[in-house]
Every structure is written in C-alpha cells, then in structure tokens.
C-alpha cells in the first residue's frame, strides 16, 4: 500500500473538527494572554465551583464606595431596593484588604483565599458574589 494513500484514507475517516479546535485554542489564548481577562476567567471558574446560589456576579467596579471616616463602606443595590453591604473592617476579618490609592480602591486577597466574596442583601434572601480582581478599581465617595 502506498504511504500517501494511507494518510489520505486516515484523514478522510477522521472527523473534521480542526477549525473548531483552532477557534477554541485562539479564544483560550486571547483570554489567557491578557492579565485582566485571565483573572476574570479564573475568578469566574472559582466562583462557579461554589455551591452558593447568587443573584449576580459583580466586580469591584460595580459597587459604590464611601469613606465613613474609620472604615470604607462598599454598597451594591439589590433589585428589592435595599443594599448588599460590607465595610473594610468586616473585609479584614474575612482576610481581605482594601488598598487605597488616592481616591481609588482595589482588593488585595490575602492568605490565598478564594477570589470571590458572597454578600447577603439587607432585606431579602438574595445574595451577590463580588469577584475579586486586583486590577479592578472603584472611586471613593467622601461622606463628609
């Protein structure tokens, strides 16, 4: 049997998924080569492994931050009208730190903790998951 004929026979019997596979590899490369999209992907993967049902996955950029003097307060409005809330002292107790750069805040996860934080609403049973990405920032509103 001719070697060229064998190669053609094997190729003709193999499924033609080369284009699909190339597109999947290309998409993976685009996500993994960019530090921001890679961190978001990692956070979403970690968050998807948690058993907690949440109403929304949000980032630090989605929340409101207020300087209340001794603590920084983070808020995100629930669809019931109340707020999901956490302050910097509560975050520190959970092992997370807020880094301040002028009027901007970012997260710093400590002790290799999961890259997300689940917060309950103040009034209803809904929860929101904040995906922690050190590249995300929020501007501080001064309460004074």
Protein backbone atom coordinates (compact mmCIF):
# COMPACT_ATOMS: atom_id res chain seq x y z
CA UNK A 1 0.00 0.00 0.00
CA UNK A 2 1.21 3.45 -0.86
CA UNK A 3 2.01 5.69 2.18
CA UNK A 4 0.29 8.69 0.60
CA UNK A 5 -2.88 6.64 0.11
CA UNK A 6 -2.83 5.53 3.80
CA UNK A 7 -2.50 9.13 5.01
CA UNK A 8 -5.39 10.23 2.77
CA UNK A 9 -7.52 7.29 3.96
CA UNK A 10 -6.86 8.08 7.63
CA UNK A 11 -7.53 11.79 7.07
CA UNK A 12 -10.80 11.04 5.26
CA UNK A 13 -12.03 8.91 8.17
CA UNK A 14 -11.06 11.42 10.88
CA UNK A 15 -13.71 13.94 11.96
CA UNK A 16 -13.15 17.44 10.60
CA UNK A 17 -13.01 19.47 13.83
CA UNK A 18 -9.78 21.29 13.02
CA UNK A 19 -11.47 24.67 12.52
CA UNK A 20 -13.49 24.39 15.73
CA UNK A 21 -10.46 23.33 17.69
CA UNK A 22 -8.41 26.21 16.25
CA UNK A 23 -11.11 28.72 17.26
CA UNK A 24 -11.26 27.28 20.79
CA UNK A 25 -7.48 27.46 21.13
CA UNK A 26 -7.49 31.01 19.73
CA UNK A 27 -10.19 32.10 22.24
CA UNK A 28 -8.28 30.46 25.11
CA UNK A 29 -5.11 32.26 24.02
CA UNK A 30 -6.91 35.61 23.90
CA UNK A 31 -8.26 35.11 27.43
CA UNK A 32 -5.08 33.74 28.98
CA UNK A 33 -2.67 36.18 27.34
CA UNK A 34 -4.41 39.22 28.88
CA UNK A 35 -3.92 39.52 32.66
CA UNK A 36 -7.31 41.18 33.23
CA UNK A 37 -9.34 38.65 31.24
CA UNK A 38 -7.34 35.77 32.72
CA UNK A 39 -8.05 36.99 36.27
CA UNK A 40 -11.74 37.40 35.44
CA UNK A 41 -11.82 33.90 33.93
CA UNK A 42 -10.07 32.45 36.99
CA UNK A 43 -12.49 34.24 39.32
CA UNK A 44 -15.49 33.02 37.37
CA UNK A 45 -14.15 29.47 37.40
CA UNK A 46 -13.56 29.56 41.15
CA UNK A 47 -16.94 31.19 41.74
CA UNK A 48 -18.70 28.57 39.63
CA UNK A 49 -17.32 25.86 41.90
CA UNK A 50 -19.03 27.35 44.96
CA UNK A 51 -22.36 25.80 45.92
CA UNK A 52 -23.97 29.13 46.88
CA UNK A 53 -26.70 30.44 44.57
CA UNK A 54 -26.25 34.13 43.88
CA UNK A 55 -28.44 36.65 42.08
CA UNK A 56 -25.50 38.41 40.40
CA UNK A 57 -21.76 38.16 39.90
CA UNK A 58 -20.24 41.63 40.11
CA UNK A 59 -16.81 43.22 40.25
CA UNK A 60 -15.45 45.95 42.48
CA UNK A 61 -16.10 48.37 39.61
CA UNK A 62 -19.86 47.73 40.01
CA UNK A 63 -20.09 48.80 43.68
CA UNK A 64 -20.31 52.20 45.33
CA UNK A 65 -17.68 53.07 47.95
CA UNK A 66 -17.98 55.67 50.70
CA UNK A 67 -15.37 56.88 53.15
CA UNK A 68 -17.11 56.85 56.55
CA UNK A 69 -14.04 58.04 58.45
CA UNK A 70 -12.71 54.97 60.23
CA UNK A 71 -13.98 52.47 57.61
CA UNK A 72 -14.68 52.29 53.89
CA UNK A 73 -18.20 51.09 53.10
CA UNK A 74 -19.00 49.14 49.91
CA UNK A 75 -22.61 49.05 48.60
CA UNK A 76 -24.42 47.40 45.71
CA UNK A 77 -28.16 47.90 45.20
CA UNK A 78 -30.35 44.79 45.26
CA UNK A 79 -33.34 44.52 42.96
CA UNK A 80 -35.58 44.63 46.08
CA UNK A 81 -34.38 48.22 46.65
CA UNK A 82 -32.15 47.56 49.67
CA UNK A 83 -28.38 47.10 49.50
CA UNK A 84 -25.70 44.47 49.76
CA UNK A 85 -23.17 45.96 52.17
CA UNK A 86 -19.74 45.27 53.62
CA UNK A 87 -17.18 47.56 55.22
CA UNK A 88 -13.40 47.45 55.30
CA UNK A 89 -13.22 46.17 58.91
CA UNK A 90 -15.51 43.22 58.05
CA UNK A 91 -13.38 42.51 54.97
CA UNK A 92 -10.21 42.46 57.09
CA UNK A 93 -11.82 39.93 59.46
CA UNK A 94 -12.54 37.73 56.39
CA UNK A 95 -8.92 38.04 55.26
CA UNK A 96 -9.31 40.66 52.52
CA UNK A 97 -7.72 44.08 52.44
CA UNK A 98 -8.71 47.18 50.51
CA UNK A 99 -5.80 49.05 49.01
CA UNK A 100 -6.23 52.80 48.72
CA UNK A 101 -4.51 54.84 46.03
CA UNK A 102 -5.72 58.41 46.40
CA UNK A 103 -9.46 58.27 45.75
CA UNK A 104 -9.40 54.74 44.28
CA UNK A 105 -9.76 51.36 45.99
CA UNK A 106 -8.76 47.88 44.90
CA UNK A 107 -8.84 44.44 46.53
CA UNK A 108 -5.87 42.54 47.81
CA UNK A 109 -6.69 38.91 48.66
CA UNK A 110 -4.56 37.57 51.48
CA UNK A 111 -3.65 34.02 52.53
CA UNK A 112 -4.66 32.53 49.15
CA UNK A 113 -8.38 32.93 49.92
CA UNK A 114 -10.98 32.29 47.20
CA UNK A 115 -11.20 35.07 44.66
CA UNK A 116 -14.82 35.90 45.43
CA UNK A 117 -16.93 37.13 48.30
CA UNK A 118 -20.67 36.40 48.77
CA UNK A 119 -22.78 39.10 50.45
CA UNK A 120 -26.43 38.83 51.55
CA UNK A 121 -28.98 41.57 50.92
CA UNK A 122 -30.00 43.60 53.96
CA UNK A 123 -33.72 42.85 53.44
CA UNK A 124 -34.40 39.89 51.16
CA UNK A 125 -32.88 36.44 50.70
CA UNK A 126 -30.82 37.31 47.60
CA UNK A 127 -27.02 37.18 47.59
CA UNK A 128 -24.42 38.73 45.33
CA UNK A 129 -20.91 37.49 44.60
CA UNK A 130 -18.12 40.04 44.27
CA UNK A 131 -15.41 38.63 42.01
CA UNK A 132 -12.09 39.80 43.38
CA UNK A 133 -9.67 41.01 40.77
CA UNK A 134 -6.70 43.13 41.90
CA UNK A 135 -6.88 45.05 38.59
CA UNK A 136 -10.40 46.39 39.35
CA UNK A 137 -10.82 49.81 41.00
CA UNK A 138 -13.67 51.82 42.48
CA UNK A 139 -13.68 55.54 43.25
CA UNK A 140 -14.45 56.61 46.83
CA UNK A 141 -17.29 59.00 47.58
CA UNK A 142 -16.47 61.10 50.65
CA UNK A 143 -19.39 61.01 53.10
CA UNK A 144 -18.30 64.18 54.88
